Amino acid sequence: MDKEILKRVVVEQRETIEGKFREEKIIEREIQKEIDIEKTKQVLAITGARRSGKSILAHLLLRDKDYAYINFDDERLEDFKARDFDKLLEVFYELYNGIEWFIFDEIHNVPKWELFVTRFHEGHRIIITGSNSRLLATELSYRLTGRHIDIKLLPFSFREFLRFRNFEYNIYLTEDIARIRRFLDEYIKRGGFPEADQMGVVATIYNDIINKDILLRKNIKFRRSFKEFAKLIISNFSSKITYSSLKKQIGVKSENTIRNYLDLIEEVFLVFSIPKFSFKLKEHMKEKKKVYAIDTGLINYISFKISRNIGRIYENIVALELLRKNKEIYYFETKEGYEVDFVVKEGLKVKELIQVCYEIDENVRKRELRALLHASKQLKCKNLLVITDDYEGLEEIEWFGIKGEIRFVPLWRWLLSL
């Protein structure tokens, strides 16, 4: 790799990033509070979907530091090989003095990158980013056991979205509550990708993930079937899936193909799945999973049915927020066949049971609370929550011979209280 080309790439990319900080709205991310950059000696590995803000987060962490930066998601670096890293370091040292940190953005584009990081991290402070969860997790954990910190970055939370909109609120003022609810409607439609305001950005993100991160990298034999599967799985957000039904819908012959397809789109952060709760590990493996999209803007782009599926949208948002908080979550089916949306587990104990219920008419109320109370008895958990659209309260309920105290909290308030 020619050094002059590397120099030009490094300088231009750094100027592009600095231009973003000068000209665009940049907010601090909540996950920054969990990272003590002064004490961090391990490799920081930031993973997440394309354009979820990984690069900006890396630069935010190092704004008062001296650091070098390169982004390998650049067509000028297509021929960059692992052997070129030493040449890149020469470029860095020629351009910058007193480098404290190194940022290697989208490093998984370079074959055998992990060999370089394994060698170089001794005595150096490094941040790497990537748009593939398993590439970073498996290869780094194997070669850098105990010497890396894995940070998963999702698109904006609702709290970050409000900060991005410069909206300071008081949750006890009626006027502010009305504005919060309007912002929540906007958040649901556009999603949390930082650049989603720009025309066509969500479509571009989706197509880049499918085409660049999967089809160009993986040996997908039936590309049309895979694209149909990706749209189908996002359209089935907040729903249980079976490999057999998905196989029939897209016309492939093997359930293993469907399983592999799902693994691939989870790897690149398009969706995530949660298993059914059971105290028996084997039960987790064989039961149906529920899938959730990584962003409601993607749902809106793919399905165009947000208004008809608002209850499922609310459930998807709750799942995302629990994921942001690193909660261990499952869904649950009682012995009677009633379903609870989320079981939150801490250690060996069930910490909380959550139902997401947009409408609270009498029939829906009876169905949802019946499931919650039966699950409360079977899982020995008394921390019961129903997330609603508007209703709020604390009720002592006794139905079907089961007693329970249940909190009702509107989604917007729950999101802002976390």
Foldseek 3Di string as FASTA:
>chain_A
DDLVLLLVQQVVVVVVLVVCVVPHQDDAAPCLVVDDPVPALFEEEEEEAPLLCRVVNVCVNAVVFAAGEGECPDPSCLVPECVCVVSSVVSVVVVGPPHQEYEYEQQVSYPPVLVVCLVPSVVHYYYYYHLFACVCVVSCCVSPPPRYDYHYGAFDFLVVQCVSVVDDADCPDPVRVVVLLVSVVVCLAQWRRPPSVDPCPLVVSVVCCLVVVDVVPDDDPDSVLLVVLLLVLALQAQHWDDLVVSCVVSVDDDSVVVVVSVSSCVRSQQKDWAFEDDLDPVNRVPGTIHMAGSISNNSCVRPVCCVVPVQSSLLNSVVNVCVNVVWRWHWYAAPVGAIFSIFTDDDSAGAETEHEEADCDPVSVVRHVVRQQRCCVVRVYQHYEYEYQDDFDWDWDADPNGTHIYTYHYSSVVSVVD
